[in-house]
PDB file of N, CA and C in Angstrom:
ATOM      1  N   VAL A   1      77.562  83.077  50.677  1.00  0.00           N
ATOM      2  CA  VAL A   1      78.555  83.928  51.335  1.00  0.00           C
ATOM      3  C   VAL A   1      77.828  84.926  52.229  1.00  0.00           C
ATOM      4  N   GLN A   2      78.191  84.940  53.474  1.00  0.00           N
ATOM      5  CA  GLN A   2      77.637  85.934  54.394  1.00  0.00           C
ATOM      6  C   GLN A   2      78.701  86.970  54.708  1.00  0.00           C
ATOM      7  N   LEU A   3      78.283  88.226  54.692  1.00  0.00           N
ATOM      8  CA  LEU A   3      79.197  89.335  54.937  1.00  0.00           C
ATOM      9  C   LEU A   3      78.703  90.117  56.142  1.00  0.00           C
ATOM     10  N   VAL A   4      79.592  90.419  57.063  1.00  0.00           N
ATOM     11  CA  VAL A   4      79.223  91.148  58.271  1.00  0.00           C
ATOM     12  C   VAL A   4      80.156  92.335  58.444  1.00  0.00           C
ATOM     13  N   GLU A   5      79.563  93.537  58.404  1.00  0.00           N
ATOM     14  CA  GLU A   5      80.341  94.762  58.576  1.00  0.00           C
ATOM     15  C   GLU A   5      80.391  95.169  60.044  1.00  0.00           C
ATOM     16  N   SER A   6      81.404  95.915  60.364  1.00  0.00           N
ATOM     17  CA  SER A   6      81.518  96.536  61.678  1.00  0.00           C
ATOM     18  C   SER A   6      82.416  97.758  61.556  1.00  0.00           C
ATOM     19  N   GLY A   7      82.405  98.567  62.606  1.00  0.00           N
ATOM     20  CA  GLY A   7      83.321  99.695  62.645  1.00  0.00           C
ATOM     21  C   GLY A   7      82.692 101.054  62.412  1.00  0.00           C
ATOM     22  N   GLY A   8      81.418 101.072  62.074  1.00  0.00           N
ATOM     23  CA  GLY A   8      80.764 102.360  61.888  1.00  0.00           C
ATOM     24  C   GLY A   8      80.587 103.092  63.210  1.00  0.00           C
ATOM     25  N   GLY A   9      80.203 104.343  63.098  1.00  0.00           N
ATOM     26  CA  GLY A   9      79.988 105.133  64.303  1.00  0.00           C
ATOM     27  C   GLY A   9      79.955 106.601  63.975  1.00  0.00           C
ATOM     28  N   ALA A  10      80.014 107.403  65.022  1.00  0.00           N
ATOM     29  CA  ALA A  10      79.994 108.856  64.874  1.00  0.00           C
ATOM     30  C   ALA A  10      81.402 109.410  65.029  1.00  0.00           C
ATOM     31  N   VAL A  11      81.743 110.331  64.163  1.00  0.00           N
ATOM     32  CA  VAL A  11      83.077 110.930  64.189  1.00  0.00           C
ATOM     33  C   VAL A  11      82.961 112.393  63.751  1.00  0.00           C
ATOM     34  N   GLN A  12      83.896 113.186  64.195  1.00  0.00           N
ATOM     35  CA  GLN A  12      83.883 114.589  63.800  1.00  0.00           C
ATOM     36  C   GLN A  12      84.551 114.773  62.439  1.00  0.00           C
ATOM     37  N   THR A  13      84.211 115.855  61.805  1.00  0.00           N
ATOM     38  CA  THR A  13      84.824 116.213  60.531  1.00  0.00           C
ATOM     39  C   THR A  13      86.342 116.203  60.665  1.00  0.00           C
ATOM     40  N   GLY A  14      86.991 115.572  59.685  1.00  0.00           N
ATOM     41  CA  GLY A  14      88.443 115.453  59.711  1.00  0.00           C
ATOM     42  C   GLY A  14      88.949 114.206  60.406  1.00  0.00           C
ATOM     43  N   GLY A  15      88.067 113.494  61.055  1.00  0.00           N
ATOM     44  CA  GLY A  15      88.451 112.293  61.774  1.00  0.00           C
ATOM     45  C   GLY A  15      88.585 111.077  60.884  1.00  0.00           C
ATOM     46  N   SER A  16      88.829 109.946  61.525  1.00  0.00           N
ATOM     47  CA  SER A  16      89.059 108.686  60.797  1.00  0.00           C
ATOM     48  C   SER A  16      88.235 107.556  61.406  1.00  0.00           C
ATOM     49  N   LEU A  17      87.923 106.603  60.565  1.00  0.00           N
ATOM     50  CA  LEU A  17      87.276 105.364  60.990  1.00  0.00           C
ATOM     51  C   LEU A  17      87.782 104.239  60.115  1.00  0.00           C
ATOM     52  N   ARG A  18      87.771 103.020  60.654  1.00  0.00           N
ATOM     53  CA  ARG A  18      88.082 101.861  59.829  1.00  0.00           C
ATOM     54  C   ARG A  18      86.911 100.888  59.881  1.00  0.00           C
ATOM     55  N   LEU A  19      86.373 100.598  58.735  1.00  0.00           N
ATOM     56  CA  LEU A  19      85.314  99.610  58.622  1.00  0.00           C
ATOM     57  C   LEU A  19      85.912  98.247  58.312  1.00  0.00           C
ATOM     58  N   SER A  20      85.270  97.220  58.835  1.00  0.00           N
ATOM     59  CA  SER A  20      85.699  95.843  58.567  1.00  0.00           C
ATOM     60  C   SER A  20      84.534  95.052  57.995  1.00  0.00           C
ATOM     61  N   CYS A  21      84.855  94.086  57.173  1.00  0.00           N
ATOM     62  CA  CYS A  21      83.847  93.199  56.593  1.00  0.00           C
ATOM     63  C   CYS A  21      84.406  91.787  56.635  1.00  0.00           C
ATOM     64  N   VAL A  22      83.780  90.946  57.440  1.00  0.00           N
ATOM     65  CA  VAL A  22      84.215  89.563  57.558  1.00  0.00           C
ATOM     66  C   VAL A  22      83.333  88.689  56.676  1.00  0.00           C
ATOM     67  N   ALA A  23      83.979  87.861  55.878  1.00  0.00           N
ATOM     68  CA  ALA A  23      83.249  86.960  54.978  1.00  0.00           C
ATOM     69  C   ALA A  23      83.217  85.559  55.571  1.00  0.00           C
ATOM     70  N   SER A  24      82.054  84.910  55.440  1.00  0.00           N
ATOM     71  CA  SER A  24      81.891  83.581  56.021  1.00  0.00           C
ATOM     72  C   SER A  24      82.549  82.498  55.172  1.00  0.00           C
ATOM     73  N   SER A  25      82.712  82.780  53.896  1.00  0.00           N
ATOM     74  CA  SER A  25      83.225  81.761  52.998  1.00  0.00           C
ATOM     75  C   SER A  25      84.700  81.962  52.722  1.00  0.00           C
ATOM     76  N   ARG A  26      85.403  80.860  52.546  1.00  0.00           N
ATOM     77  CA  ARG A  26      86.822  80.962  52.182  1.00  0.00           C
ATOM     78  C   ARG A  26      87.028  80.704  50.686  1.00  0.00           C
ATOM     79  N   THR A  27      85.916  80.656  49.955  1.00  0.00           N
ATOM     80  CA  THR A  27      86.026  80.449  48.512  1.00  0.00           C
ATOM     81  C   THR A  27      85.815  81.762  47.782  1.00  0.00           C
ATOM     82  N   LEU A  28      86.616  82.764  48.146  1.00  0.00           N
ATOM     83  CA  LEU A  28      86.450  84.096  47.573  1.00  0.00           C
ATOM     84  C   LEU A  28      87.489  84.402  46.510  1.00  0.00           C
ATOM     85  N   SER A  29      88.252  83.418  46.121  1.00  0.00           N
ATOM     86  CA  SER A  29      89.389  83.699  45.256  1.00  0.00           C
ATOM     87  C   SER A  29      88.981  84.308  43.927  1.00  0.00           C
ATOM     88  N   SER A  30      87.773  84.042  43.477  1.00  0.00           N
ATOM     89  CA  SER A  30      87.330  84.579  42.189  1.00  0.00           C
ATOM     90  C   SER A  30      86.407  85.784  42.359  1.00  0.00           C
ATOM     91  N   TYR A  31      86.437  86.386  43.526  1.00  0.00           N
ATOM     92  CA  TYR A  31      85.503  87.456  43.831  1.00  0.00           C
ATOM     93  C   TYR A  31      86.129  88.843  43.702  1.00  0.00           C
ATOM     94  N   ILE A  32      85.281  89.783  43.352  1.00  0.00           N
ATOM     95  CA  ILE A  32      85.548  91.198  43.497  1.00  0.00           C
ATOM     96  C   ILE A  32      84.756  91.658  44.716  1.00  0.00           C
ATOM     97  N   MET A  33      85.427  92.265  45.656  1.00  0.00           N
ATOM     98  CA  MET A  33      84.776  92.749  46.862  1.00  0.00           C
ATOM     99  C   MET A  33      84.751  94.275  46.840  1.00  0.00           C
ATOM    100  N   ALA A  34      83.714  94.831  47.430  1.00  0.00           N
ATOM    101  CA  ALA A  34      83.545  96.276  47.328  1.00  0.00           C
ATOM    102  C   ALA A  34      82.881  96.856  48.566  1.00  0.00           C
ATOM    103  N   TRP A  35      83.063  98.140  48.716  1.00  0.00           N
ATOM    104  CA  TRP A  35      82.315  98.938  49.681  1.00  0.00           C
ATOM    105  C   TRP A  35      81.394  99.868  48.905  1.00  0.00           C
ATOM    106  N   PHE A  36      80.143  99.895  49.336  1.00  0.00           N
ATOM    107  CA  PHE A  36      79.160 100.826  48.805  1.00  0.00           C
ATOM    108  C   PHE A  36      78.671 101.694  49.959  1.00  0.00           C
ATOM    109  N   ARG A  37      78.036 102.800  49.610  1.00  0.00           N
ATOM    110  CA  ARG A  37      77.374 103.607  50.630  1.00  0.00           C
ATOM    111  C   ARG A  37      76.078 104.156  50.074  1.00  0.00           C
ATOM    112  N   GLN A  38      75.178 104.446  50.992  1.00  0.00           N
ATOM    113  CA  GLN A  38      73.871 104.954  50.582  1.00  0.00           C
ATOM    114  C   GLN A  38      73.325 105.908  51.630  1.00  0.00           C
ATOM    115  N   THR A  39      72.771 107.013  51.144  1.00  0.00           N
ATOM    116  CA  THR A  39      72.063 107.957  52.000  1.00  0.00           C
ATOM    117  C   THR A  39      70.599 107.955  51.592  1.00  0.00           C
ATOM    118  N   PRO A  40      69.710 108.382  52.482  1.00  0.00           N
ATOM    119  CA  PRO A  40      68.281 108.365  52.156  1.00  0.00           C
ATOM    120  C   PRO A  40      67.957 109.135  50.885  1.00  0.00           C
ATOM    121  N   GLY A  41      67.213 108.505  50.013  1.00  0.00           N
ATOM    122  CA  GLY A  41      66.802 109.164  48.785  1.00  0.00           C
ATOM    123  C   GLY A  41      67.825 109.122  47.675  1.00  0.00           C
ATOM    124  N   GLN A  42      68.981 108.540  47.961  1.00  0.00           N
ATOM    125  CA  GLN A  42      70.041 108.476  46.960  1.00  0.00           C
ATOM    126  C   GLN A  42      70.293 107.034  46.540  1.00  0.00           C
ATOM    127  N   GLU A  43      70.832 106.886  45.346  1.00  0.00           N
ATOM    128  CA  GLU A  43      71.210 105.550  44.892  1.00  0.00           C
ATOM    129  C   GLU A  43      72.458 105.086  45.633  1.00  0.00           C
ATOM    130  N   ARG A  44      72.575 103.784  45.728  1.00  0.00           N
ATOM    131  CA  ARG A  44      73.761 103.219  46.359  1.00  0.00           C
ATOM    132  C   ARG A  44      74.970 103.509  45.470  1.00  0.00           C
ATOM    133  N   GLU A  45      76.039 103.968  46.086  1.00  0.00           N
ATOM    134  CA  GLU A  45      77.238 104.390  45.360  1.00  0.00           C
ATOM    135  C   GLU A  45      78.401 103.456  45.692  1.00  0.00           C
ATOM    136  N   ARG A  46      79.078 102.976  44.677  1.00  0.00           N
ATOM    137  CA  ARG A  46      80.291 102.185  44.926  1.00  0.00           C
ATOM    138  C   ARG A  46      81.415 103.122  45.328  1.00  0.00           C
ATOM    139  N   VAL A  47      81.972 102.870  46.483  1.00  0.00           N
ATOM    140  CA  VAL A  47      83.026 103.715  47.038  1.00  0.00           C
ATOM    141  C   VAL A  47      84.399 103.195  46.639  1.00  0.00           C
ATOM    142  N   ALA A  48      84.581 101.879  46.747  1.00  0.00           N
ATOM    143  CA  ALA A  48      85.868 101.260  46.447  1.00  0.00           C
ATOM    144  C   ALA A  48      85.651  99.779  46.198  1.00  0.00           C
ATOM    145  N   SER A  49      86.564  99.188  45.439  1.00  0.00           N
ATOM    146  CA  SER A  49      86.498  97.751  45.212  1.00  0.00           C
ATOM    147  C   SER A  49      87.898  97.190  45.031  1.00  0.00           C
ATOM    148  N   ILE A  50      88.005  95.871  45.203  1.00  0.00           N
ATOM    149  CA  ILE A  50      89.305  95.212  45.199  1.00  0.00           C
ATOM    150  C   ILE A  50      89.146  93.760  44.757  1.00  0.00           C
ATOM    151  N   SER A  51      90.142  93.270  44.067  1.00  0.00           N
ATOM    152  CA  SER A  51      90.179  91.858  43.720  1.00  0.00           C
ATOM    153  C   SER A  51      90.614  91.063  44.941  1.00  0.00           C
ATOM    154  N   TRP A  52      89.778  90.113  45.360  1.00  0.00           N
ATOM    155  CA  TRP A  52      90.097  89.378  46.580  1.00  0.00           C
ATOM    156  C   TRP A  52      91.358  88.539  46.416  1.00  0.00           C
ATOM    157  N   SER A  53      91.528  87.923  45.262  1.00  0.00           N
ATOM    158  CA  SER A  53      92.645  86.992  45.090  1.00  0.00           C
ATOM    159  C   SER A  53      93.991  87.700  45.024  1.00  0.00           C
ATOM    160  N   THR A  54      94.036  88.858  44.369  1.00  0.00           N
ATOM    161  CA  THR A  54      95.325  89.523  44.171  1.00  0.00           C
ATOM    162  C   THR A  54      95.525  90.728  45.083  1.00  0.00           C
ATOM    163  N   GLY A  55      94.417  91.259  45.608  1.00  0.00           N
ATOM    164  CA  GLY A  55      94.531  92.514  46.355  1.00  0.00           C
ATOM    165  C   GLY A  55      94.736  93.710  45.440  1.00  0.00           C
ATOM    166  N   GLY A  56      94.634  93.471  44.145  1.00  0.00           N
ATOM    167  CA  GLY A  56      94.820  94.540  43.177  1.00  0.00           C
ATOM    168  C   GLY A  56      93.506  94.938  42.541  1.00  0.00           C
ATOM    169  N   SER A  57      93.623  95.483  41.313  1.00  0.00           N
ATOM    170  CA  SER A  57      92.446  95.967  40.586  1.00  0.00           C
ATOM    171  C   SER A  57      91.604  96.862  41.481  1.00  0.00           C
ATOM    172  N   ILE A  58      92.260  97.785  42.145  1.00  0.00           N
ATOM    173  CA  ILE A  58      91.579  98.654  43.108  1.00  0.00           C
ATOM    174  C   ILE A  58      90.923  99.827  42.401  1.00  0.00           C
ATOM    175  N   TYR A  59      89.720 100.067  42.815  1.00  0.00           N
ATOM    176  CA  TYR A  59      88.929 101.190  42.303  1.00  0.00           C
ATOM    177  C   TYR A  59      88.512 102.085  43.475  1.00  0.00           C
ATOM    178  N   TYR A  60      88.544 103.390  43.240  1.00  0.00           N
ATOM    179  CA  TYR A  60      88.000 104.361  44.196  1.00  0.00           C
ATOM    180  C   TYR A  60      87.086 105.331  43.449  1.00  0.00           C
ATOM    181  N   ALA A  61      85.995 105.676  44.079  1.00  0.00           N
ATOM    182  CA  ALA A  61      85.181 106.764  43.554  1.00  0.00           C
ATOM    183  C   ALA A  61      85.969 108.064  43.682  1.00  0.00           C
ATOM    184  N   ASP A  62      85.749 108.980  42.759  1.00  0.00           N
ATOM    185  CA  ASP A  62      86.476 110.258  42.789  1.00  0.00           C
ATOM    186  C   ASP A  62      86.284 110.977  44.118  1.00  0.00           C
ATOM    187  N   SER A  63      85.119 110.815  44.698  1.00  0.00           N
ATOM    188  CA  SER A  63      84.790 111.547  45.924  1.00  0.00           C
ATOM    189  C   SER A  63      85.618 111.102  47.130  1.00  0.00           C
ATOM    190  N   VAL A  64      86.264 109.930  47.035  1.00  0.00           N
ATOM    191  CA  VAL A  64      87.021 109.435  48.194  1.00  0.00           C
ATOM    192  C   VAL A  64      88.497 109.224  47.905  1.00  0.00           C
ATOM    193  N   LYS A  65      88.923 109.442  46.672  1.00  0.00           N
ATOM    194  CA  LYS A  65      90.323 109.237  46.317  1.00  0.00           C
ATOM    195  C   LYS A  65      91.237 110.087  47.188  1.00  0.00           C
ATOM    196  N   GLY A  66      92.280 109.465  47.687  1.00  0.00           N
ATOM    197  CA  GLY A  66      93.240 110.156  48.526  1.00  0.00           C
ATOM    198  C   GLY A  66      92.847 110.204  49.994  1.00  0.00           C
ATOM    199  N   ARG A  67      91.618 109.794  50.300  1.00  0.00           N
ATOM    200  CA  ARG A  67      91.150 109.818  51.687  1.00  0.00           C
ATOM    201  C   ARG A  67      90.811 108.421  52.218  1.00  0.00           C
ATOM    202  N   PHE A  68      90.322 107.557  51.351  1.00  0.00           N
ATOM    203  CA  PHE A  68      89.926 106.203  51.743  1.00  0.00           C
ATOM    204  C   PHE A  68      90.905 105.193  51.165  1.00  0.00           C
ATOM    205  N   THR A  69      91.110 104.106  51.909  1.00  0.00           N
ATOM    206  CA  THR A  69      91.975 103.025  51.445  1.00  0.00           C
ATOM    207  C   THR A  69      91.279 101.688  51.667  1.00  0.00           C
ATOM    208  N   ILE A  70      91.141 100.927  50.605  1.00  0.00           N
ATOM    209  CA  ILE A  70      90.551  99.593  50.703  1.00  0.00           C
ATOM    210  C   ILE A  70      91.681  98.577  50.763  1.00  0.00           C
ATOM    211  N   SER A  71      91.483  97.547  51.570  1.00  0.00           N
ATOM    212  CA  SER A  71      92.472  96.486  51.672  1.00  0.00           C
ATOM    213  C   SER A  71      91.783  95.213  52.118  1.00  0.00           C
ATOM    214  N   ARG A  72      92.505  94.127  52.062  1.00  0.00           N
ATOM    215  CA  ARG A  72      91.944  92.864  52.551  1.00  0.00           C
ATOM    216  C   ARG A  72      93.043  92.039  53.181  1.00  0.00           C
ATOM    217  N   ASP A  73      92.640  91.284  54.199  1.00  0.00           N
ATOM    218  CA  ASP A  73      93.535  90.356  54.871  1.00  0.00           C
ATOM    219  C   ASP A  73      93.079  88.959  54.487  1.00  0.00           C
ATOM    220  N   TYR A  74      93.825  88.360  53.608  1.00  0.00           N
ATOM    221  CA  TYR A  74      93.444  87.063  53.053  1.00  0.00           C
ATOM    222  C   TYR A  74      93.305  86.013  54.148  1.00  0.00           C
ATOM    223  N   ALA A  75      94.226  86.016  55.093  1.00  0.00           N
ATOM    224  CA  ALA A  75      94.227  85.003  56.147  1.00  0.00           C
ATOM    225  C   ALA A  75      93.036  85.153  57.089  1.00  0.00           C
ATOM    226  N   LYS A  76      92.611  86.394  57.297  1.00  0.00           N
ATOM    227  CA  LYS A  76      91.499  86.656  58.214  1.00  0.00           C
ATOM    228  C   LYS A  76      90.163  86.715  57.493  1.00  0.00           C
ATOM    229  N   ASN A  77      90.191  86.558  56.178  1.00  0.00           N
ATOM    230  CA  ASN A  77      88.943  86.615  55.403  1.00  0.00           C
ATOM    231  C   ASN A  77      88.200  87.926  55.647  1.00  0.00           C
ATOM    232  N   THR A  78      88.948  88.991  55.761  1.00  0.00           N
ATOM    233  CA  THR A  78      88.379  90.281  56.139  1.00  0.00           C
ATOM    234  C   THR A  78      88.828  91.368  55.175  1.00  0.00           C
ATOM    235  N   MET A  79      87.889  92.221  54.833  1.00  0.00           N
ATOM    236  CA  MET A  79      88.163  93.397  54.010  1.00  0.00           C
ATOM    237  C   MET A  79      88.005  94.639  54.876  1.00  0.00           C
ATOM    238  N   TYR A  80      88.787  95.649  54.567  1.00  0.00           N
ATOM    239  CA  TYR A  80      88.768  96.876  55.361  1.00  0.00           C
ATOM    240  C   TYR A  80      88.536  98.086  54.470  1.00  0.00           C
ATOM    241  N   LEU A  81      88.021  99.131  55.093  1.00  0.00           N
ATOM    242  CA  LEU A  81      87.966 100.442  54.458  1.00  0.00           C
ATOM    243  C   LEU A  81      88.459 101.442  55.485  1.00  0.00           C
ATOM    244  N   GLN A  82      89.668 101.920  55.290  1.00  0.00           N
ATOM    245  CA  GLN A  82      90.219 102.952  56.154  1.00  0.00           C
ATOM    246  C   GLN A  82      89.775 104.300  55.613  1.00  0.00           C
ATOM    247  N   MET A  83      89.069 105.040  56.427  1.00  0.00           N
ATOM    248  CA  MET A  83      88.527 106.322  56.003  1.00  0.00           C
ATOM    249  C   MET A  83      89.181 107.433  56.810  1.00  0.00           C
ATOM    250  N   SER A  84      89.757 108.395  56.128  1.00  0.00           N
ATOM    251  CA  SER A  84      90.435 109.508  56.786  1.00  0.00           C
ATOM    252  C   SER A  84      89.908 110.819  56.230  1.00  0.00           C
ATOM    253  N   SER A  85      90.230 111.902  56.930  1.00  0.00           N
ATOM    254  CA  SER A  85      89.783 113.243  56.510  1.00  0.00           C
ATOM    255  C   SER A  85      88.289 113.233  56.187  1.00  0.00           C
ATOM    256  N   LEU A  86      87.526 112.657  57.076  1.00  0.00           N
ATOM    257  CA  LEU A  86      86.100 112.475  56.816  1.00  0.00           C
ATOM    258  C   LEU A  86      85.379 113.813  56.738  1.00  0.00           C
ATOM    259  N   LYS A  87      84.395 113.843  55.843  1.00  0.00           N
ATOM    260  CA  LYS A  87      83.588 115.025  55.624  1.00  0.00           C
ATOM    261  C   LYS A  87      82.135 114.701  55.953  1.00  0.00           C
ATOM    262  N   ALA A  88      81.354 115.749  56.140  1.00  0.00           N
ATOM    263  CA  ALA A  88      79.938 115.547  56.439  1.00  0.00           C
ATOM    264  C   ALA A  88      79.250 114.750  55.329  1.00  0.00           C
ATOM    265  N   GLU A  89      79.668 114.976  54.099  1.00  0.00           N
ATOM    266  CA  GLU A  89      79.046 114.263  52.969  1.00  0.00           C
ATOM    267  C   GLU A  89      79.423 112.784  52.897  1.00  0.00           C
ATOM    268  N   ASP A  90      80.319 112.332  53.767  1.00  0.00           N
ATOM    269  CA  ASP A  90      80.615 110.901  53.853  1.00  0.00           C
ATOM    270  C   ASP A  90      79.606 110.173  54.727  1.00  0.00           C
ATOM    271  N   THR A  91      78.741 110.920  55.398  1.00  0.00           N
ATOM    272  CA  THR A  91      77.709 110.304  56.227  1.00  0.00           C
ATOM    273  C   THR A  91      76.804 109.432  55.380  1.00  0.00           C
ATOM    274  N   ALA A  92      76.688 108.157  55.769  1.00  0.00           N
ATOM    275  CA  ALA A  92      75.910 107.202  54.984  1.00  0.00           C
ATOM    276  C   ALA A  92      75.911 105.857  55.705  1.00  0.00           C
ATOM    277  N   VAL A  93      75.084 104.960  55.211  1.00  0.00           N
ATOM    278  CA  VAL A  93      75.201 103.557  55.596  1.00  0.00           C
ATOM    279  C   VAL A  93      76.163 102.907  54.609  1.00  0.00           C
ATOM    280  N   TYR A  94      77.169 102.265  55.138  1.00  0.00           N
ATOM    281  CA  TYR A  94      78.190 101.619  54.315  1.00  0.00           C
ATOM    282  C   TYR A  94      77.940 100.110  54.292  1.00  0.00           C
ATOM    283  N   TYR A  95      77.994  99.557  53.087  1.00  0.00           N
ATOM    284  CA  TYR A  95      77.762  98.137  52.885  1.00  0.00           C
ATOM    285  C   TYR A  95      78.988  97.491  52.231  1.00  0.00           C
ATOM    286  N   CYS A  96      79.313  96.294  52.651  1.00  0.00           N
ATOM    287  CA  CYS A  96      80.270  95.538  51.866  1.00  0.00           C
ATOM    288  C   CYS A  96      79.499  94.585  50.962  1.00  0.00           C
ATOM    289  N   ALA A  97      80.093  94.276  49.842  1.00  0.00           N
ATOM    290  CA  ALA A  97      79.425  93.463  48.834  1.00  0.00           C
ATOM    291  C   ALA A  97      80.441  92.639  48.064  1.00  0.00           C
ATOM    292  N   GLY A  98      79.960  91.581  47.455  1.00  0.00           N
ATOM    293  CA  GLY A  98      80.845  90.728  46.677  1.00  0.00           C
ATOM    294  C   GLY A  98      80.163  90.200  45.438  1.00  0.00           C
ATOM    295  N   ARG A  99      80.950  90.010  44.409  1.00  0.00           N
ATOM    296  CA  ARG A  99      80.440  89.400  43.191  1.00  0.00           C
ATOM    297  C   ARG A  99      81.527  88.524  42.591  1.00  0.00           C
ATOM    298  N   VAL A 100      81.110  87.565  41.851  1.00  0.00           N
ATOM    299  CA  VAL A 100      82.056  86.715  41.143  1.00  0.00           C
ATOM    300  C   VAL A 100      82.602  87.485  39.951  1.00  0.00           C
ATOM    301  N   GLN A 101      83.871  87.381  39.700  1.00  0.00           N
ATOM    302  CA  GLN A 101      84.456  88.048  38.537  1.00  0.00           C
ATOM    303  C   GLN A 101      83.737  87.603  37.273  1.00  0.00           C
ATOM    304  N   GLY A 102      83.425  88.572  36.446  1.00  0.00           N
ATOM    305  CA  GLY A 102      82.713  88.268  35.211  1.00  0.00           C
ATOM    306  C   GLY A 102      81.212  88.445  35.336  1.00  0.00           C
ATOM    307  N   VAL A 103      80.721  88.521  36.565  1.00  0.00           N
ATOM    308  CA  VAL A 103      79.302  88.785  36.813  1.00  0.00           C
ATOM    309  C   VAL A 103      79.154  90.263  37.117  1.00  0.00           C
ATOM    310  N   LEU A 104      78.204  90.929  36.468  1.00  0.00           N
ATOM    311  CA  LEU A 104      78.105  92.377  36.627  1.00  0.00           C
ATOM    312  C   LEU A 104      77.525  92.795  37.963  1.00  0.00           C
ATOM    313  N   GLN A 105      76.565  92.057  38.453  1.00  0.00           N
ATOM    314  CA  GLN A 105      75.854  92.463  39.657  1.00  0.00           C
ATOM    315  C   GLN A 105      76.523  91.911  40.911  1.00  0.00           C
ATOM    316  N   TYR A 106      76.526  92.744  41.937  1.00  0.00           N
ATOM    317  CA  TYR A 106      76.980  92.282  43.246  1.00  0.00           C
ATOM    318  C   TYR A 106      75.841  91.481  43.869  1.00  0.00           C
ATOM    319  N   GLU A 107      76.102  90.239  44.186  1.00  0.00           N
ATOM    320  CA  GLU A 107      75.020  89.387  44.662  1.00  0.00           C
ATOM    321  C   GLU A 107      75.060  89.112  46.156  1.00  0.00           C
ATOM    322  N   TYR A 108      76.151  89.441  46.792  1.00  0.00           N
ATOM    323  CA  TYR A 108      76.257  89.218  48.225  1.00  0.00           C
ATOM    324  C   TYR A 108      76.439  90.562  48.927  1.00  0.00           C
ATOM    325  N   TRP A 109      75.630  90.775  49.970  1.00  0.00           N
ATOM    326  CA  TRP A 109      75.637  92.059  50.667  1.00  0.00           C
ATOM    327  C   TRP A 109      75.641  91.846  52.168  1.00  0.00           C
ATOM    328  N   GLY A 110      76.318  92.757  52.855  1.00  0.00           N
ATOM    329  CA  GLY A 110      76.228  92.793  54.293  1.00  0.00           C
ATOM    330  C   GLY A 110      75.016  93.598  54.720  1.00  0.00           C
ATOM    331  N   GLN A 111      74.830  93.717  56.023  1.00  0.00           N
ATOM    332  CA  GLN A 111      73.643  94.396  56.557  1.00  0.00           C
ATOM    333  C   GLN A 111      73.831  95.900  56.642  1.00  0.00           C
ATOM    334  N   GLY A 112      75.046  96.361  56.500  1.00  0.00           N
ATOM    335  CA  GLY A 112      75.328  97.792  56.538  1.00  0.00           C
ATOM    336  C   GLY A 112      75.751  98.272  57.912  1.00  0.00           C
ATOM    337  N   THR A 113      76.563  99.306  57.905  1.00  0.00           N
ATOM    338  CA  THR A 113      76.989  99.942  59.143  1.00  0.00           C
ATOM    339  C   THR A 113      76.947 101.450  58.929  1.00  0.00           C
ATOM    340  N   LEU A 114      76.408 102.170  59.908  1.00  0.00           N
ATOM    341  CA  LEU A 114      76.173 103.607  59.758  1.00  0.00           C
ATOM    342  C   LEU A 114      77.410 104.404  60.156  1.00  0.00           C
ATOM    343  N   VAL A 115      77.792 105.316  59.289  1.00  0.00           N
ATOM    344  CA  VAL A 115      78.861 106.271  59.569  1.00  0.00           C
ATOM    345  C   VAL A 115      78.253 107.662  59.580  1.00  0.00           C
ATOM    346  N   THR A 116      78.451 108.377  60.679  1.00  0.00           N
ATOM    347  CA  THR A 116      77.921 109.730  60.820  1.00  0.00           C
ATOM    348  C   THR A 116      79.081 110.682  61.080  1.00  0.00           C
ATOM    349  N   VAL A 117      79.237 111.662  60.204  1.00  0.00           N
ATOM    350  CA  VAL A 117      80.306 112.643  60.328  1.00  0.00           C
ATOM    351  C   VAL A 117      79.677 114.002  60.609  1.00  0.00           C
ATOM    352  N   SER A 118      80.077 114.605  61.707  1.00  0.00           N
ATOM    353  CA  SER A 118      79.492 115.888  62.073  1.00  0.00           C
ATOM    354  C   SER A 118      80.581 116.863  62.497  1.00  0.00           C
ATOM    355  N   SER A 119      80.245 118.126  62.391  1.00  0.00           N
ATOM    356  CA  SER A 119      81.218 119.162  62.767  1.00  0.00           C
ATOM    357  C   SER A 119      81.094 119.503  64.233  1.00  0.00           C
TER     358      SER A 119
END
């Protein structure tokens, strides 16, 4: 499975961005898909995740609840992360990732897209 992110960029505090992640495979029905982010010197943090088959089982990190929305378009094989009310601390490289349900580790990763939030 190849994952390709897009949509990162520079935005001012309080602004919005939508990240996209296109998956090369159409055999994602048993997958959990997620967005992670990482800043230099910090561990990679899971921001949100979703069950690909149902669009449910949604998880958000406390730091983004109420501001970020994860979704997926089954027909387009694409996952999204709508980010609103962005803060400087949201600045990071954002990665999409996938794992098979029942497997603990995310084994498929995109190359990452940089989001920079400034005042």
